[in-house]
């Protein structure tokens, strides 16, 4: 039996249903670039040696999580999905790395027997973490778990791996139990001054993640560690240029937006982290990355996404900048003679996300995803991406950086963000991912302890 029960058989996941299907071109090959060579020490990819275990379990369980977050009502409305991706993949990494011992532990350090099954450890860690995060899904998760474990030969190695995976995931869940994610935020009070964020027409959604910037980061010291500079004043030329651009290109009735820009604006509308997780899956499989490398890749990427989300929510609710639809409709109040009000303007996307504009989430997450993937495989890869938002449409790219740029710009074409939001997001995502890559999951510089069990906790205070 092939190890694909979760992504293809047991769940019956259509690639479009999980957010984005990505197919690597047959000639895809990572080239050496300055970015790859100067990124973190994660860059070298483990060579596949006889007996090393496949990275497929990471892909299988990632598909399970993608399926869950795309199931209406399954993802708690008050929990940012990037947190759960980070916990699941940190647990998988922790379990596998406790056996492999090639890199530093993340948060939980366990001295595991060398002969434990890495695959069983990964399966147990993923299952334990997912049941802890989504208890209502336990029946289906138990079924998936049984199918996955059936692919691992019975014996002491399997048993040791299971115990290890359960231990690491349980301790990691406990370590994140009081991270601030369950704090009920105070009701959001909209501002009334020019530039102040307020709920947006036509549906006027209520902001949800107003407190997310205060959640304890996974690797960063603080949510404001890389907070972008304050956006330009409403009376500035830079502000006027940004508003005029989105007013023209992002309008539902735009006559200046090209047909390709319209496609781009609609294509990237689903949750952006789903696209990047699918891209990572396909590249890891195409490169035949082993289990330790695949586990480390997904942990690094999703830790970066989780901290990026904390960071951009910190900035969003610090600056509370109004969204384009509000700024355009109320342009006659901004004090800028270079902007012109349009009281009926609506974005291409129809509605607007329920949070302030600056910085852009798509740009932040995309910059982080590109940074991490390039650090493992080099920036230049040829691949294609599809989207559930536009079935039958395929976008092709030759680098991770090109995806990050297009995904970020899509939010201008869809009327969600300005170029100011986009640029600030790119810088923020780059900074967050760079910090994660240089401060977590690093190659061991000294031999691990000979015995015992210890915990490692990243500081949540102080400056970097």
Protein backbone atom coordinates (compact mmCIF):
# COMPACT_ATOMS: atom_id res chain seq x y z
CA UNK A 1 0.00 0.00 0.00
CA UNK A 2 1.35 3.36 -0.97
CA UNK A 3 1.69 6.03 1.73
CA UNK A 4 -0.97 8.38 0.39
CA UNK A 5 -4.08 7.51 2.38
CA UNK A 6 -4.61 10.91 3.92
CA UNK A 7 -4.06 13.21 1.00
CA UNK A 8 -5.68 11.13 -1.72
CA UNK A 9 -7.58 8.15 -0.42
CA UNK A 10 -8.90 8.49 3.12
CA UNK A 11 -9.80 12.13 2.82
CA UNK A 12 -10.51 12.25 -0.90
CA UNK A 13 -9.06 15.74 -1.05
CA UNK A 14 -9.25 17.39 -4.42
CA UNK A 15 -6.23 19.60 -4.84
CA UNK A 16 -8.39 22.63 -5.44
CA UNK A 17 -10.26 22.05 -2.22
CA UNK A 18 -7.25 22.56 0.01
CA UNK A 19 -6.57 26.05 -1.21
CA UNK A 20 -4.04 25.61 -3.98
CA UNK A 21 -2.68 22.77 -6.06
CA UNK A 22 0.87 23.14 -7.22
CA UNK A 23 2.59 21.08 -9.88
CA UNK A 24 6.32 21.34 -10.24
CA UNK A 25 7.49 21.47 -13.83
CA UNK A 26 9.31 18.38 -14.97
CA UNK A 27 12.55 20.24 -15.47
CA UNK A 28 12.43 22.02 -12.14
CA UNK A 29 15.81 22.23 -10.44
CA UNK A 30 17.04 24.44 -7.64
CA UNK A 31 19.83 26.72 -8.78
CA UNK A 32 22.44 28.24 -6.52
CA UNK A 33 21.65 31.88 -5.90
CA UNK A 34 23.07 34.56 -3.68
CA UNK A 35 19.88 34.50 -1.66
CA UNK A 36 20.11 30.77 -1.08
CA UNK A 37 23.78 30.86 -0.17
CA UNK A 38 23.40 33.74 2.26
CA UNK A 39 20.19 32.57 3.90
CA UNK A 40 20.19 30.59 7.10
CA UNK A 41 22.10 27.44 7.80
CA UNK A 42 18.90 25.56 6.97
CA UNK A 43 19.94 25.82 3.31
CA UNK A 44 21.67 22.42 2.89
CA UNK A 45 19.14 19.70 2.18
CA UNK A 46 19.88 16.31 3.70
CA UNK A 47 21.06 13.82 1.12
CA UNK A 48 18.94 10.71 0.90
CA UNK A 49 20.84 7.77 2.29
CA UNK A 50 19.89 4.10 2.28
CA UNK A 51 17.40 3.45 5.05
CA UNK A 52 16.36 7.08 5.51
CA UNK A 53 12.64 7.58 5.84
CA UNK A 54 10.47 9.46 3.35
CA UNK A 55 9.07 12.90 4.04
CA UNK A 56 5.62 11.71 2.92
CA UNK A 57 4.15 11.59 6.47
CA UNK A 58 4.63 15.35 6.79
CA UNK A 59 2.80 15.86 3.50
CA UNK A 60 -0.01 13.51 4.51
CA UNK A 61 -0.67 15.24 7.80
CA UNK A 62 -0.34 18.69 6.25
CA UNK A 63 -3.09 17.71 3.83
CA UNK A 64 -5.23 16.62 6.76
CA UNK A 65 -4.79 20.02 8.38
CA UNK A 66 -5.50 21.81 5.11
CA UNK A 67 -8.70 19.81 4.80
CA UNK A 68 -9.74 20.72 8.33
CA UNK A 69 -9.20 24.47 7.93
CA UNK A 70 -11.15 24.36 4.67
CA UNK A 71 -14.10 22.60 6.30
CA UNK A 72 -16.74 25.19 7.28
CA UNK A 73 -16.96 25.50 11.05
CA UNK A 74 -14.01 23.22 11.82
CA UNK A 75 -11.49 25.99 12.44
CA UNK A 76 -12.36 28.00 15.59
CA UNK A 77 -13.30 31.48 14.43
CA UNK A 78 -11.20 33.15 17.14
CA UNK A 79 -8.00 31.16 16.45
CA UNK A 80 -5.72 32.26 13.63
CA UNK A 81 -5.04 29.10 11.55
CA UNK A 82 -1.32 29.84 11.31
CA UNK A 83 -1.01 29.06 15.05
CA UNK A 84 -2.32 25.53 14.57
CA UNK A 85 -0.12 24.87 11.53
CA UNK A 86 2.89 25.94 13.59
CA UNK A 87 2.00 23.70 16.53
CA UNK A 88 1.39 20.62 14.37
CA UNK A 89 4.60 21.01 12.39
CA UNK A 90 6.69 21.95 15.40
CA UNK A 91 5.46 18.75 17.04
CA UNK A 92 6.35 16.65 14.00
CA UNK A 93 9.76 18.29 13.78
CA UNK A 94 10.39 17.84 17.49
CA UNK A 95 9.58 14.15 17.38
CA UNK A 96 11.59 13.40 14.25
CA UNK A 97 14.55 15.53 15.28
CA UNK A 98 14.69 13.84 18.68
CA UNK A 99 15.68 10.70 16.79
CA UNK A 100 17.67 12.30 13.97
CA UNK A 101 19.45 14.74 16.33
CA UNK A 102 20.95 16.72 13.45
CA UNK A 103 19.42 20.06 14.50
CA UNK A 104 18.55 21.95 17.65
CA UNK A 105 15.24 21.05 19.33
CA UNK A 106 12.35 23.46 19.25
CA UNK A 107 11.11 24.27 22.75
CA UNK A 108 10.84 20.62 23.87
CA UNK A 109 14.00 18.54 24.05
CA UNK A 110 13.71 14.78 24.47
CA UNK A 111 16.53 12.28 24.35
CA UNK A 112 15.01 9.59 22.13
CA UNK A 113 16.37 6.15 21.26
CA UNK A 114 18.17 6.09 17.93
CA UNK A 115 16.29 3.00 16.83
CA UNK A 116 12.83 4.57 17.21
CA UNK A 117 10.84 4.88 14.00
CA UNK A 118 10.90 8.46 12.71
CA UNK A 119 7.76 7.79 10.67
CA UNK A 120 5.79 6.48 13.66
CA UNK A 121 7.04 9.42 15.72
CA UNK A 122 5.87 11.88 13.07
CA UNK A 123 2.47 10.20 12.79
CA UNK A 124 1.95 10.12 16.57
CA UNK A 125 3.05 13.72 17.01
CA UNK A 126 0.76 14.98 14.25
CA UNK A 127 -2.22 12.97 15.46
CA UNK A 128 -1.77 14.00 19.09
CA UNK A 129 -1.39 17.67 18.18
CA UNK A 130 -4.36 17.65 15.82
CA UNK A 131 -6.67 15.94 18.32
CA UNK A 132 -5.62 18.49 20.93
CA UNK A 133 -6.36 21.36 18.56
CA UNK A 134 -9.49 19.92 16.93
CA UNK A 135 -11.14 17.55 19.42
CA UNK A 136 -14.37 17.49 17.42
CA UNK A 137 -12.45 15.88 14.57
CA UNK A 138 -11.11 13.00 16.67
CA UNK A 139 -13.04 10.20 14.97
CA UNK A 140 -11.77 11.06 11.52
CA UNK A 141 -8.28 11.80 12.85
CA UNK A 142 -8.19 8.42 14.60
CA UNK A 143 -9.13 6.75 11.33
CA UNK A 144 -6.38 8.61 9.48
CA UNK A 145 -3.91 7.71 12.21
CA UNK A 146 -4.73 4.01 12.01
CA UNK A 147 -4.26 4.07 8.25
CA UNK A 148 -0.91 5.79 8.56
CA UNK A 149 0.42 3.55 11.32
CA UNK A 150 -0.58 0.49 9.33
CA UNK A 151 2.17 1.45 6.88
CA UNK A 152 4.85 1.23 9.59
CA UNK A 153 6.17 -2.28 10.38
CA UNK A 154 5.14 -3.49 13.82
CA UNK A 155 7.85 -3.86 16.40
CA UNK A 156 9.82 -2.05 19.10
CA UNK A 157 10.92 0.75 16.74
CA UNK A 158 7.31 1.59 15.94
CA UNK A 159 6.28 1.47 19.60
CA UNK A 160 9.15 3.73 20.64
CA UNK A 161 8.30 6.20 17.88
CA UNK A 162 4.66 6.35 18.92
CA UNK A 163 5.51 7.04 22.55
CA UNK A 164 7.97 9.72 21.52
CA UNK A 165 5.57 11.50 19.17
CA UNK A 166 2.81 11.52 21.75
CA UNK A 167 5.16 12.89 24.41
CA UNK A 168 6.55 15.72 22.29
CA UNK A 169 3.13 16.83 21.01
CA UNK A 170 1.56 16.68 24.45
CA UNK A 171 4.29 18.81 25.97
CA UNK A 172 4.20 21.29 23.10
CA UNK A 173 0.43 21.69 23.42
CA UNK A 174 0.89 22.33 27.13
CA UNK A 175 3.63 24.89 26.44
CA UNK A 176 1.27 26.83 24.15
CA UNK A 177 -1.83 26.48 26.32
CA UNK A 178 -1.50 29.94 27.85
CA UNK A 179 -0.05 31.83 24.89
CA UNK A 180 -2.85 34.40 24.81
CA UNK A 181 -4.63 32.94 21.80
CA UNK A 182 -7.77 32.13 23.80
CA UNK A 183 -8.09 35.56 25.38
CA UNK A 184 -11.44 37.10 24.50
CA UNK A 185 -10.68 40.51 22.99
CA UNK A 186 -12.49 43.59 24.09
CA UNK A 187 -15.09 44.81 21.58
CA UNK A 188 -13.48 46.83 18.82
CA UNK A 189 -14.31 50.52 18.85
CA UNK A 190 -13.99 52.09 15.42
CA UNK A 191 -12.39 55.48 15.00
CA UNK A 192 -14.17 58.40 13.40
CA UNK A 193 -11.22 60.57 12.34
CA UNK A 194 -9.88 60.58 8.79
CA UNK A 195 -7.58 57.58 8.38
CA UNK A 196 -9.15 55.60 11.23
CA UNK A 197 -10.13 52.02 10.46
CA UNK A 198 -13.81 51.16 10.66
CA UNK A 199 -15.89 48.22 9.41
CA UNK A 200 -16.23 48.25 5.65
CA UNK A 201 -19.17 48.26 3.23
CA UNK A 202 -21.15 46.55 1.94
CA UNK A 203 -21.31 43.88 4.68
CA UNK A 204 -19.55 45.73 7.56
CA UNK A 205 -17.77 42.73 9.14
CA UNK A 206 -16.75 42.77 12.81
CA UNK A 207 -12.99 42.54 13.47
CA UNK A 208 -11.98 39.28 15.18
CA UNK A 209 -8.22 39.23 15.74
CA UNK A 210 -7.88 42.55 17.50
CA UNK A 211 -5.74 40.97 20.25
CA UNK A 212 -3.64 38.66 18.09
CA UNK A 213 -0.62 40.94 18.15
CA UNK A 214 -0.36 40.13 21.86
CA UNK A 215 -0.18 36.36 21.41
CA UNK A 216 3.14 34.91 22.54
CA UNK A 217 5.33 34.44 19.45
CA UNK A 218 6.83 31.06 18.56
CA UNK A 219 10.33 32.35 17.81
CA UNK A 220 10.23 36.15 17.86
CA UNK A 221 10.82 37.86 21.20
CA UNK A 222 7.79 40.13 20.80
CA UNK A 223 5.03 40.80 18.32
CA UNK A 224 6.33 44.33 17.72
CA UNK A 225 9.92 43.21 17.17
CA UNK A 226 9.87 44.13 13.47
CA UNK A 227 6.92 46.53 13.52
CA UNK A 228 6.88 48.59 10.29
CA UNK A 229 7.31 52.34 10.41
CA UNK A 230 4.15 54.42 10.61
CA UNK A 231 2.43 54.72 7.21
CA UNK A 232 2.80 58.04 5.36
CA UNK A 233 0.53 60.89 6.37
CA UNK A 234 -2.82 61.17 4.62
CA UNK A 235 -1.71 64.52 3.22
CA UNK A 236 1.46 63.11 1.63
CA UNK A 237 2.11 62.50 -2.05
CA UNK A 238 2.98 58.86 -1.29
CA UNK A 239 -0.42 58.28 0.29
CA UNK A 240 -2.23 59.94 -2.61
CA UNK A 241 -0.32 57.84 -5.16
CA UNK A 242 -1.15 54.63 -3.32
CA UNK A 243 -4.85 55.46 -2.95
CA UNK A 244 -5.18 56.60 -6.55
CA UNK A 245 -3.57 53.36 -7.76
CA UNK A 246 -5.95 51.07 -5.89
CA UNK A 247 -8.92 53.31 -6.70
CA UNK A 248 -8.16 52.80 -10.38
CA UNK A 249 -6.94 49.20 -10.48
CA UNK A 250 -8.91 47.68 -7.62
CA UNK A 251 -12.39 48.91 -8.42
CA UNK A 252 -15.16 46.40 -9.15
CA UNK A 253 -15.87 48.44 -12.30
CA UNK A 254 -12.28 49.32 -13.22
CA UNK A 255 -11.58 50.18 -16.85
CA UNK A 256 -7.81 50.43 -16.32
CA UNK A 257 -7.14 47.01 -14.80
CA UNK A 258 -5.98 44.51 -17.44
CA UNK A 259 -7.62 41.13 -17.89
CA UNK A 260 -4.53 39.45 -16.44
CA UNK A 261 -4.60 41.72 -13.41
CA UNK A 262 -8.24 40.79 -12.90
CA UNK A 263 -7.31 37.11 -12.96
CA UNK A 264 -4.48 37.75 -10.48
CA UNK A 265 -6.77 39.72 -8.19
CA UNK A 266 -9.25 36.86 -7.99
CA UNK A 267 -6.79 33.98 -8.12
CA UNK A 268 -5.00 34.68 -4.82
CA UNK A 269 -8.07 35.56 -2.77
CA UNK A 270 -8.19 32.35 -0.63
CA UNK A 271 -6.11 32.10 2.57
CA UNK A 272 -2.55 32.72 1.49
CA UNK A 273 -0.84 30.28 3.86
CA UNK A 274 -2.74 27.43 2.20
CA UNK A 275 -1.12 28.23 -1.15
CA UNK A 276 2.35 28.25 0.37
CA UNK A 277 1.84 24.97 2.21
CA UNK A 278 0.80 23.34 -1.05
CA UNK A 279 3.78 24.82 -2.88
CA UNK A 280 6.08 23.47 -0.18
CA UNK A 281 4.49 20.04 -0.43
CA UNK A 282 5.08 19.75 -4.14
CA UNK A 283 8.64 21.03 -4.04
CA UNK A 284 9.58 18.75 -1.15
CA UNK A 285 8.16 15.74 -2.97
CA UNK A 286 9.85 16.69 -6.24
CA UNK A 287 13.18 17.00 -4.45
CA UNK A 288 12.65 13.68 -2.63
CA UNK A 289 13.40 15.38 0.67
CA UNK A 290 13.81 12.91 3.50
CA UNK A 291 11.73 12.98 6.65
CA UNK A 292 14.05 15.13 8.82
CA UNK A 293 14.42 17.73 6.04
CA UNK A 294 10.71 17.82 5.22
CA UNK A 295 9.77 18.10 8.89
CA UNK A 296 12.25 20.95 9.35
CA UNK A 297 11.02 22.76 6.22
CA UNK A 298 7.38 22.74 7.28
CA UNK A 299 8.23 23.66 10.85
CA UNK A 300 10.40 26.60 9.77
CA UNK A 301 7.82 27.83 7.28
CA UNK A 302 4.81 27.55 9.56
CA UNK A 303 6.62 28.97 12.57
CA UNK A 304 7.44 31.91 10.29
CA UNK A 305 3.80 32.20 9.22
CA UNK A 306 2.55 32.10 12.81
CA UNK A 307 4.96 34.79 13.95
CA UNK A 308 4.26 36.82 10.80
CA UNK A 309 0.56 36.79 11.65
CA UNK A 310 1.28 37.94 15.21
CA UNK A 311 3.53 40.67 13.82
CA UNK A 312 1.15 41.98 11.18
CA UNK A 313 -1.80 42.02 13.59
CA UNK A 314 0.36 43.95 16.04
CA UNK A 315 1.02 46.54 13.35
CA UNK A 316 -2.52 46.58 12.01
CA UNK A 317 -4.04 47.38 15.38
CA UNK A 318 -1.28 49.78 16.31
CA UNK A 319 -1.79 52.00 13.27
CA UNK A 320 -5.46 51.15 12.57
CA UNK A 321 -5.32 52.53 9.05
CA UNK A 322 -8.58 52.56 7.13
CA UNK A 323 -9.08 50.21 4.19
CA UNK A 324 -9.13 51.41 0.57
CA UNK A 325 -12.92 51.21 0.31
CA UNK A 326 -13.25 53.63 3.23
CA UNK A 327 -10.40 55.91 2.22
CA UNK A 328 -11.77 56.26 -1.31
CA UNK A 329 -15.36 56.87 -0.26
CA UNK A 330 -14.20 59.46 2.29
CA UNK A 331 -11.33 60.97 0.30
CA UNK A 332 -12.90 64.40 0.60
CA UNK A 333 -12.05 64.30 4.33
CA UNK A 334 -8.37 63.30 4.13
CA UNK A 335 -7.00 66.81 3.55
CA UNK A 336 -5.16 65.71 0.44
CA UNK A 337 -5.94 67.66 -2.77
CA UNK A 338 -4.56 64.80 -4.87
CA UNK A 339 -7.29 62.32 -3.89
CA UNK A 340 -10.88 62.36 -5.14
CA UNK A 341 -13.82 60.83 -3.29
CA UNK A 342 -16.03 58.17 -4.88
CA UNK A 343 -18.90 57.48 -2.43
CA UNK A 344 -20.06 54.32 -4.23
CA UNK A 345 -16.66 52.66 -4.81
CA UNK A 346 -16.40 48.93 -4.14
CA UNK A 347 -13.45 46.57 -4.57
CA UNK A 348 -13.17 43.84 -7.19
CA UNK A 349 -13.47 41.27 -4.42
CA UNK A 350 -16.85 42.68 -3.42
CA UNK A 351 -16.11 42.72 0.30
CA UNK A 352 -13.07 43.59 2.41
CA UNK A 353 -11.26 41.58 5.07
CA UNK A 354 -12.23 42.50 8.64
CA UNK A 355 -9.08 44.20 9.89
CA UNK A 356 -7.07 47.38 9.30
CA UNK A 357 -5.13 47.84 6.09
CA UNK A 358 -1.47 48.29 7.05
CA UNK A 359 0.55 46.10 6.52
CA UNK A 360 -0.84 43.58 4.03
CA UNK A 361 -1.23 40.00 5.30
CA UNK A 362 -0.83 38.36 1.88
CA UNK A 363 2.43 40.21 1.29
CA UNK A 364 3.77 39.41 4.76
CA UNK A 365 2.99 35.69 4.61
CA UNK A 366 4.20 35.41 1.02
CA UNK A 367 7.53 37.08 1.74
CA UNK A 368 8.03 34.71 4.67
CA UNK A 369 7.13 31.66 2.60
CA UNK A 370 9.45 32.61 -0.22
CA UNK A 371 12.29 33.30 2.21
CA UNK A 372 12.02 29.91 3.90
CA UNK A 373 11.61 27.87 0.72
CA UNK A 374 14.54 29.64 -0.92
CA UNK A 375 16.71 28.91 2.11
CA UNK A 376 16.11 25.18 1.60
CA UNK A 377 16.03 24.81 -2.18
CA UNK A 378 17.26 28.05 -3.75
CA UNK A 379 14.92 30.71 -5.06
CA UNK A 380 14.73 29.54 -8.67
CA UNK A 381 12.18 26.78 -9.18
CA UNK A 382 9.80 26.36 -12.11
CA UNK A 383 6.30 25.43 -11.04
CA UNK A 384 2.63 26.13 -11.62
CA UNK A 385 -0.12 27.01 -9.17
CA UNK A 386 -3.89 26.58 -9.36
CA UNK A 387 -6.54 28.14 -7.15
CA UNK A 388 -9.99 27.08 -5.93
CA UNK A 389 -11.09 30.65 -6.56
CA UNK A 390 -10.59 30.21 -10.34
CA UNK A 391 -10.91 26.53 -11.32
CA UNK A 392 -9.11 25.75 -14.56
CA UNK A 393 -6.71 28.71 -14.33
CA UNK A 394 -2.99 27.98 -13.88
CA UNK A 395 -0.30 30.50 -12.99
CA UNK A 396 3.32 29.59 -13.79
CA UNK A 397 6.44 30.88 -12.06
CA UNK A 398 10.21 30.49 -12.11
CA UNK A 399 10.94 31.54 -8.53
CA UNK A 400 9.43 31.70 -5.09
CA UNK A 401 10.11 35.43 -5.05
CA UNK A 402 7.91 35.92 -8.12
CA UNK A 403 5.02 34.22 -6.35
CA UNK A 404 5.46 36.48 -3.33
CA UNK A 405 5.38 39.59 -5.51
CA UNK A 406 2.32 38.52 -7.48
CA UNK A 407 0.36 37.35 -4.44
CA UNK A 408 1.04 40.66 -2.72
CA UNK A 409 0.15 42.77 -5.75
CA UNK A 410 -3.04 40.78 -6.19
CA UNK A 411 -4.43 42.60 -3.18
CA UNK A 412 -4.12 45.92 -5.02
CA UNK A 413 -5.90 44.48 -8.05
CA UNK A 414 -8.65 43.07 -5.83
CA UNK A 415 -9.10 46.42 -4.06
CA UNK A 416 -8.06 45.10 -0.64
CA UNK A 417 -4.79 46.96 -0.09
CA UNK A 418 -2.55 49.77 -1.30
CA UNK A 419 1.03 49.47 -2.45
CA UNK A 420 2.06 50.95 0.91
CA UNK A 421 0.51 47.91 2.63
CA UNK A 422 2.17 45.58 0.14
CA UNK A 423 5.69 46.94 0.54
CA UNK A 424 5.48 47.08 4.33
CA UNK A 425 4.22 43.49 4.33
CA UNK A 426 7.07 42.22 2.13
CA UNK A 427 9.64 43.77 4.46
CA UNK A 428 7.91 42.44 7.57
CA UNK A 429 7.63 38.88 6.24
CA UNK A 430 11.26 38.91 5.12
CA UNK A 431 12.41 40.10 8.55
CA UNK A 432 10.31 37.60 10.49
CA UNK A 433 11.35 34.61 8.38
CA UNK A 434 14.98 35.69 8.47
CA UNK A 435 14.86 35.80 12.26
CA UNK A 436 13.25 32.36 12.45
CA UNK A 437 15.79 30.85 10.06
CA UNK A 438 18.71 32.26 12.02
CA UNK A 439 17.40 31.53 15.50
CA UNK A 440 15.46 28.26 15.42
CA UNK A 441 15.94 24.70 14.18
CA UNK A 442 19.66 25.30 13.62
CA UNK A 443 22.23 22.55 12.97
CA UNK A 444 23.73 21.25 16.18
CA UNK A 445 27.06 22.90 16.92
CA UNK A 446 27.79 20.58 19.85
CA UNK A 447 26.87 16.95 20.48
CA UNK A 448 23.51 16.48 22.22
CA UNK A 449 23.37 15.48 25.88
CA UNK A 450 24.05 11.81 26.49
CA UNK A 451 20.92 11.22 28.52
CA UNK A 452 18.03 12.78 30.33
CA UNK A 453 15.09 14.94 29.44
CA UNK A 454 15.06 18.72 29.37
CA UNK A 455 12.92 21.61 28.19
CA UNK A 456 14.06 24.59 26.20
CA UNK A 457 11.93 27.71 26.17
CA UNK A 458 12.51 30.65 23.83
CA UNK A 459 12.47 33.95 25.65
CA UNK A 460 9.37 36.05 25.12
CA UNK A 461 11.01 39.17 26.46
CA UNK A 462 13.88 41.39 25.50
CA UNK A 463 15.17 42.71 22.23
CA UNK A 464 16.78 40.82 19.41
